[in-house]
N, C-alpha and C. Protein backbone atom coordinates (compact mmCIF):
# COMPACT_ATOMS: atom_id res chain seq x y z
N UNK A 1 37.56 22.70 -45.63
CA UNK A 1 36.36 21.94 -45.28
C UNK A 1 35.86 21.21 -46.51
N UNK A 2 35.58 19.91 -46.35
CA UNK A 2 35.09 19.13 -47.46
C UNK A 2 33.58 19.27 -47.56
N UNK A 3 33.07 19.34 -48.76
CA UNK A 3 31.63 19.44 -48.93
C UNK A 3 31.06 18.17 -49.54
N UNK A 4 31.90 17.35 -50.11
CA UNK A 4 31.43 16.13 -50.75
C UNK A 4 31.69 14.93 -49.85
N UNK A 5 30.83 13.95 -49.96
CA UNK A 5 31.02 12.71 -49.22
C UNK A 5 31.79 11.77 -50.13
N UNK A 6 32.90 11.30 -49.63
CA UNK A 6 33.71 10.40 -50.45
C UNK A 6 33.53 8.97 -49.96
N UNK A 7 33.74 8.04 -50.83
CA UNK A 7 33.58 6.65 -50.47
C UNK A 7 34.75 6.13 -49.64
N UNK A 8 35.82 6.91 -49.56
CA UNK A 8 36.98 6.43 -48.82
C UNK A 8 37.13 7.10 -47.46
N UNK A 9 36.06 7.75 -46.95
CA UNK A 9 36.11 8.22 -45.58
C UNK A 9 36.23 7.00 -44.68
N UNK A 10 37.04 7.12 -43.66
CA UNK A 10 37.19 5.97 -42.78
C UNK A 10 37.07 6.40 -41.34
N UNK A 11 36.78 5.43 -40.50
CA UNK A 11 36.69 5.65 -39.07
C UNK A 11 37.42 4.49 -38.40
N UNK A 12 37.91 4.75 -37.21
CA UNK A 12 38.64 3.74 -36.47
C UNK A 12 37.83 3.37 -35.24
N UNK A 13 37.72 2.10 -34.96
CA UNK A 13 36.98 1.61 -33.80
C UNK A 13 37.82 1.84 -32.55
N UNK A 14 37.20 2.48 -31.53
CA UNK A 14 37.93 2.74 -30.29
C UNK A 14 37.99 1.47 -29.44
N UNK A 15 38.72 1.55 -28.34
CA UNK A 15 38.83 0.40 -27.43
C UNK A 15 37.47 0.05 -26.81
N UNK A 16 36.53 1.00 -26.83
CA UNK A 16 35.19 0.75 -26.30
C UNK A 16 34.23 0.28 -27.39
N UNK A 17 34.73 0.10 -28.61
CA UNK A 17 33.87 -0.35 -29.70
C UNK A 17 33.10 0.78 -30.36
N UNK A 18 33.49 2.01 -30.11
CA UNK A 18 32.79 3.17 -30.66
C UNK A 18 33.41 3.59 -31.98
N UNK A 19 32.56 4.12 -32.86
CA UNK A 19 33.00 4.62 -34.16
C UNK A 19 32.38 5.99 -34.37
N UNK A 20 33.17 6.94 -34.84
CA UNK A 20 32.65 8.26 -35.15
C UNK A 20 32.28 8.28 -36.63
N UNK A 21 31.02 8.59 -36.91
CA UNK A 21 30.56 8.70 -38.30
C UNK A 21 31.06 10.05 -38.83
N UNK A 22 31.71 10.07 -39.98
CA UNK A 22 32.22 11.33 -40.51
C UNK A 22 31.14 12.41 -40.59
N UNK A 23 31.50 13.63 -40.25
CA UNK A 23 30.56 14.75 -40.19
C UNK A 23 29.77 14.93 -41.48
N UNK A 24 30.44 14.91 -42.61
CA UNK A 24 29.74 15.12 -43.88
C UNK A 24 28.64 14.08 -44.07
N UNK A 25 28.90 12.85 -43.68
CA UNK A 25 27.91 11.78 -43.80
C UNK A 25 26.76 11.99 -42.81
N UNK A 26 27.09 12.36 -41.56
CA UNK A 26 26.04 12.63 -40.56
C UNK A 26 25.12 13.75 -41.03
N UNK A 27 25.72 14.82 -41.54
CA UNK A 27 24.92 15.96 -41.99
C UNK A 27 24.06 15.59 -43.20
N UNK A 28 24.63 14.87 -44.14
CA UNK A 28 23.89 14.49 -45.35
C UNK A 28 22.74 13.54 -45.03
N UNK A 29 22.92 12.69 -44.03
CA UNK A 29 21.91 11.69 -43.69
C UNK A 29 20.97 12.14 -42.56
N UNK A 30 21.25 13.30 -41.98
CA UNK A 30 20.41 13.78 -40.88
C UNK A 30 20.59 12.99 -39.60
N UNK A 31 21.79 12.47 -39.38
CA UNK A 31 22.09 11.70 -38.18
C UNK A 31 22.56 12.66 -37.09
N UNK A 32 21.94 12.57 -35.93
CA UNK A 32 22.31 13.43 -34.80
C UNK A 32 22.22 12.62 -33.52
N UNK A 33 22.59 13.22 -32.41
CA UNK A 33 22.55 12.51 -31.13
C UNK A 33 21.15 11.96 -30.90
N UNK A 34 21.07 10.69 -30.56
CA UNK A 34 19.78 10.06 -30.32
C UNK A 34 19.22 9.31 -31.51
N UNK A 35 19.80 9.50 -32.70
CA UNK A 35 19.33 8.78 -33.87
C UNK A 35 19.63 7.29 -33.69
N UNK A 36 18.63 6.46 -33.93
CA UNK A 36 18.83 5.01 -33.80
C UNK A 36 19.29 4.45 -35.13
N UNK A 37 20.33 3.63 -35.08
CA UNK A 37 20.89 3.01 -36.28
C UNK A 37 20.75 1.50 -36.16
N UNK A 38 20.49 0.84 -37.28
CA UNK A 38 20.37 -0.62 -37.32
C UNK A 38 21.58 -1.15 -38.07
N UNK A 39 22.32 -2.05 -37.45
CA UNK A 39 23.51 -2.66 -38.06
C UNK A 39 23.18 -4.07 -38.50
N UNK A 40 23.62 -4.42 -39.70
CA UNK A 40 23.46 -5.81 -40.15
C UNK A 40 24.68 -6.21 -40.97
N UNK A 41 25.05 -7.47 -40.83
CA UNK A 41 26.19 -8.01 -41.57
C UNK A 41 25.70 -8.45 -42.94
N UNK A 42 26.30 -7.91 -43.98
CA UNK A 42 25.89 -8.25 -45.35
C UNK A 42 26.76 -9.36 -45.94
N UNK A 43 28.05 -9.16 -45.87
CA UNK A 43 29.02 -10.13 -46.37
C UNK A 43 30.08 -10.29 -45.29
N UNK A 44 31.08 -11.07 -45.57
CA UNK A 44 32.14 -11.31 -44.59
C UNK A 44 32.79 -10.00 -44.12
N UNK A 45 32.94 -9.04 -45.03
CA UNK A 45 33.63 -7.79 -44.69
C UNK A 45 32.77 -6.55 -44.92
N UNK A 46 31.44 -6.71 -44.90
CA UNK A 46 30.54 -5.58 -45.18
C UNK A 46 29.48 -5.47 -44.09
N UNK A 47 29.34 -4.27 -43.55
CA UNK A 47 28.29 -3.98 -42.58
C UNK A 47 27.37 -2.95 -43.19
N UNK A 48 26.07 -3.19 -43.11
CA UNK A 48 25.09 -2.22 -43.59
C UNK A 48 24.53 -1.49 -42.38
N UNK A 49 24.41 -0.18 -42.50
CA UNK A 49 23.85 0.63 -41.42
C UNK A 49 22.65 1.36 -41.96
N UNK A 50 21.50 1.18 -41.31
CA UNK A 50 20.27 1.87 -41.72
C UNK A 50 19.80 2.75 -40.58
N UNK A 51 19.18 3.86 -40.93
CA UNK A 51 18.60 4.75 -39.93
C UNK A 51 17.24 4.17 -39.56
N UNK A 52 16.98 4.01 -38.27
CA UNK A 52 15.69 3.51 -37.80
C UNK A 52 14.67 4.63 -37.95
N UNK A 53 13.75 4.47 -38.85
CA UNK A 53 12.72 5.49 -39.02
C UNK A 53 11.50 5.12 -38.19
N UNK A 54 10.89 6.10 -37.63
CA UNK A 54 9.71 5.89 -36.81
C UNK A 54 8.58 6.74 -37.38
N UNK A 55 7.47 6.09 -37.64
CA UNK A 55 6.29 6.81 -38.10
C UNK A 55 5.43 7.12 -36.88
N UNK A 56 4.60 8.13 -36.99
CA UNK A 56 3.80 8.57 -35.86
C UNK A 56 2.91 7.45 -35.33
N UNK A 57 2.42 6.58 -36.22
CA UNK A 57 1.53 5.51 -35.75
C UNK A 57 2.28 4.48 -34.89
N UNK A 58 3.60 4.47 -34.95
CA UNK A 58 4.39 3.60 -34.08
C UNK A 58 4.21 3.99 -32.62
N UNK A 59 4.01 5.27 -32.37
CA UNK A 59 3.89 5.78 -31.01
C UNK A 59 2.45 5.80 -30.51
N UNK A 60 1.49 5.57 -31.40
CA UNK A 60 0.08 5.64 -31.02
C UNK A 60 -0.23 4.65 -29.90
N UNK A 61 -0.81 5.14 -28.84
CA UNK A 61 -1.20 4.30 -27.73
C UNK A 61 -0.10 4.01 -26.73
N UNK A 62 1.12 4.47 -26.98
CA UNK A 62 2.23 4.19 -26.06
C UNK A 62 2.11 4.96 -24.76
N UNK A 63 1.41 6.07 -24.76
CA UNK A 63 1.31 6.89 -23.57
C UNK A 63 0.19 6.47 -22.64
N UNK A 64 -0.59 5.48 -23.04
CA UNK A 64 -1.70 5.04 -22.22
C UNK A 64 -1.18 4.33 -20.98
N UNK A 65 -1.81 4.63 -19.88
CA UNK A 65 -1.46 3.96 -18.64
C UNK A 65 -2.35 2.76 -18.43
N UNK A 66 -2.47 2.38 -17.19
CA UNK A 66 -3.35 1.27 -16.87
C UNK A 66 -4.79 1.71 -17.04
N UNK A 67 -5.67 0.77 -17.26
CA UNK A 67 -7.07 1.10 -17.47
C UNK A 67 -7.83 1.25 -16.16
N UNK A 68 -7.17 0.97 -15.02
CA UNK A 68 -7.84 1.13 -13.74
C UNK A 68 -7.96 2.62 -13.41
N UNK A 69 -8.79 2.91 -12.42
CA UNK A 69 -9.01 4.32 -12.06
C UNK A 69 -7.72 4.93 -11.50
N UNK A 70 -7.53 6.23 -11.71
CA UNK A 70 -6.34 6.89 -11.19
C UNK A 70 -6.32 6.87 -9.67
N UNK A 71 -5.13 6.90 -9.09
CA UNK A 71 -4.99 6.93 -7.64
C UNK A 71 -5.31 8.32 -7.11
N UNK A 72 -5.88 8.37 -5.93
CA UNK A 72 -6.10 9.66 -5.28
C UNK A 72 -4.76 10.14 -4.70
N UNK A 73 -4.72 11.40 -4.29
CA UNK A 73 -3.50 11.93 -3.68
C UNK A 73 -3.16 11.17 -2.40
N UNK A 74 -4.18 10.81 -1.65
CA UNK A 74 -3.96 10.06 -0.42
C UNK A 74 -3.36 8.69 -0.72
N UNK A 75 -3.87 8.04 -1.75
CA UNK A 75 -3.34 6.72 -2.14
C UNK A 75 -1.91 6.83 -2.63
N UNK A 76 -1.60 7.90 -3.37
CA UNK A 76 -0.22 8.11 -3.83
C UNK A 76 0.71 8.35 -2.64
N UNK A 77 0.27 9.19 -1.69
CA UNK A 77 1.08 9.46 -0.49
C UNK A 77 1.34 8.18 0.29
N UNK A 78 0.31 7.35 0.43
CA UNK A 78 0.46 6.09 1.17
C UNK A 78 1.44 5.16 0.46
N UNK A 79 1.37 5.10 -0.88
CA UNK A 79 2.28 4.24 -1.65
C UNK A 79 3.72 4.74 -1.52
N UNK A 80 3.90 6.06 -1.56
CA UNK A 80 5.24 6.63 -1.42
C UNK A 80 5.79 6.34 -0.03
N UNK A 81 4.96 6.53 1.00
CA UNK A 81 5.40 6.28 2.37
C UNK A 81 5.78 4.82 2.55
N UNK A 82 5.00 3.91 1.97
CA UNK A 82 5.31 2.49 2.08
C UNK A 82 6.65 2.18 1.40
N UNK A 83 6.88 2.78 0.23
CA UNK A 83 8.15 2.56 -0.48
C UNK A 83 9.33 3.08 0.33
N UNK A 84 9.15 4.24 0.98
CA UNK A 84 10.22 4.80 1.81
C UNK A 84 10.50 3.87 3.00
N UNK A 85 9.44 3.40 3.65
CA UNK A 85 9.61 2.49 4.78
C UNK A 85 10.30 1.20 4.35
N UNK A 86 9.87 0.65 3.20
CA UNK A 86 10.51 -0.57 2.68
C UNK A 86 11.98 -0.34 2.38
N UNK A 87 12.28 0.82 1.80
CA UNK A 87 13.66 1.16 1.46
C UNK A 87 14.50 1.31 2.72
N UNK A 88 13.94 1.99 3.74
CA UNK A 88 14.66 2.16 5.01
C UNK A 88 14.91 0.82 5.68
N UNK A 89 13.90 -0.06 5.64
CA UNK A 89 14.06 -1.39 6.23
C UNK A 89 15.14 -2.16 5.50
N UNK A 90 15.15 -2.09 4.17
CA UNK A 90 16.16 -2.79 3.38
C UNK A 90 17.55 -2.23 3.69
N UNK A 91 17.66 -0.92 3.82
CA UNK A 91 18.95 -0.31 4.15
C UNK A 91 19.43 -0.76 5.52
N UNK A 92 18.50 -0.88 6.47
CA UNK A 92 18.84 -1.36 7.81
C UNK A 92 19.29 -2.81 7.79
N UNK A 93 18.61 -3.63 6.99
CA UNK A 93 18.99 -5.04 6.87
C UNK A 93 20.37 -5.18 6.25
N UNK A 94 20.65 -4.35 5.22
CA UNK A 94 21.96 -4.39 4.58
C UNK A 94 23.06 -3.98 5.55
N UNK A 95 22.76 -3.00 6.40
CA UNK A 95 23.72 -2.51 7.38
C UNK A 95 24.04 -3.61 8.41
N UNK A 96 22.98 -4.34 8.84
CA UNK A 96 23.17 -5.43 9.79
C UNK A 96 24.00 -6.54 9.18
N UNK A 97 23.83 -6.80 7.90
CA UNK A 97 24.59 -7.87 7.22
C UNK A 97 26.08 -7.58 7.18
N UNK A 98 26.45 -6.29 7.18
CA UNK A 98 27.87 -5.92 7.10
C UNK A 98 28.57 -6.04 8.45
N UNK A 99 27.83 -6.17 9.50
CA UNK A 99 28.46 -6.23 10.83
C UNK A 99 28.96 -7.58 11.15
C-alpha cells in the first residue's frame, strides 16, 4: 500500500468520460462521493481541478418556501386529487393516440 502521493499517478478516461481519482489523492484531499469538483483548462495540455467549497452562508435562506400562507390539508388533498385526475386524463389521451 502506498502512503505517499506521487506526481506520476495516472488515470485513464473510460468510454463514458469517467476518471477514477487515485485513492491516496482522494484521501489526502478529503474527496468523497458527492464532492463537487470544478474543472478548468489551464494550458493546452493542463486541466486544473478544484474542490467546490461551500460556506454555511451559501445555504442561508435556501430552505425558505413561498411567502404566501401555507395550504390547509383540504387544499393539499384537492391539489393532489386534481393532479391525479390530470395525470389519468393524460394517460387516457396517450392511450387513444396509440390506437
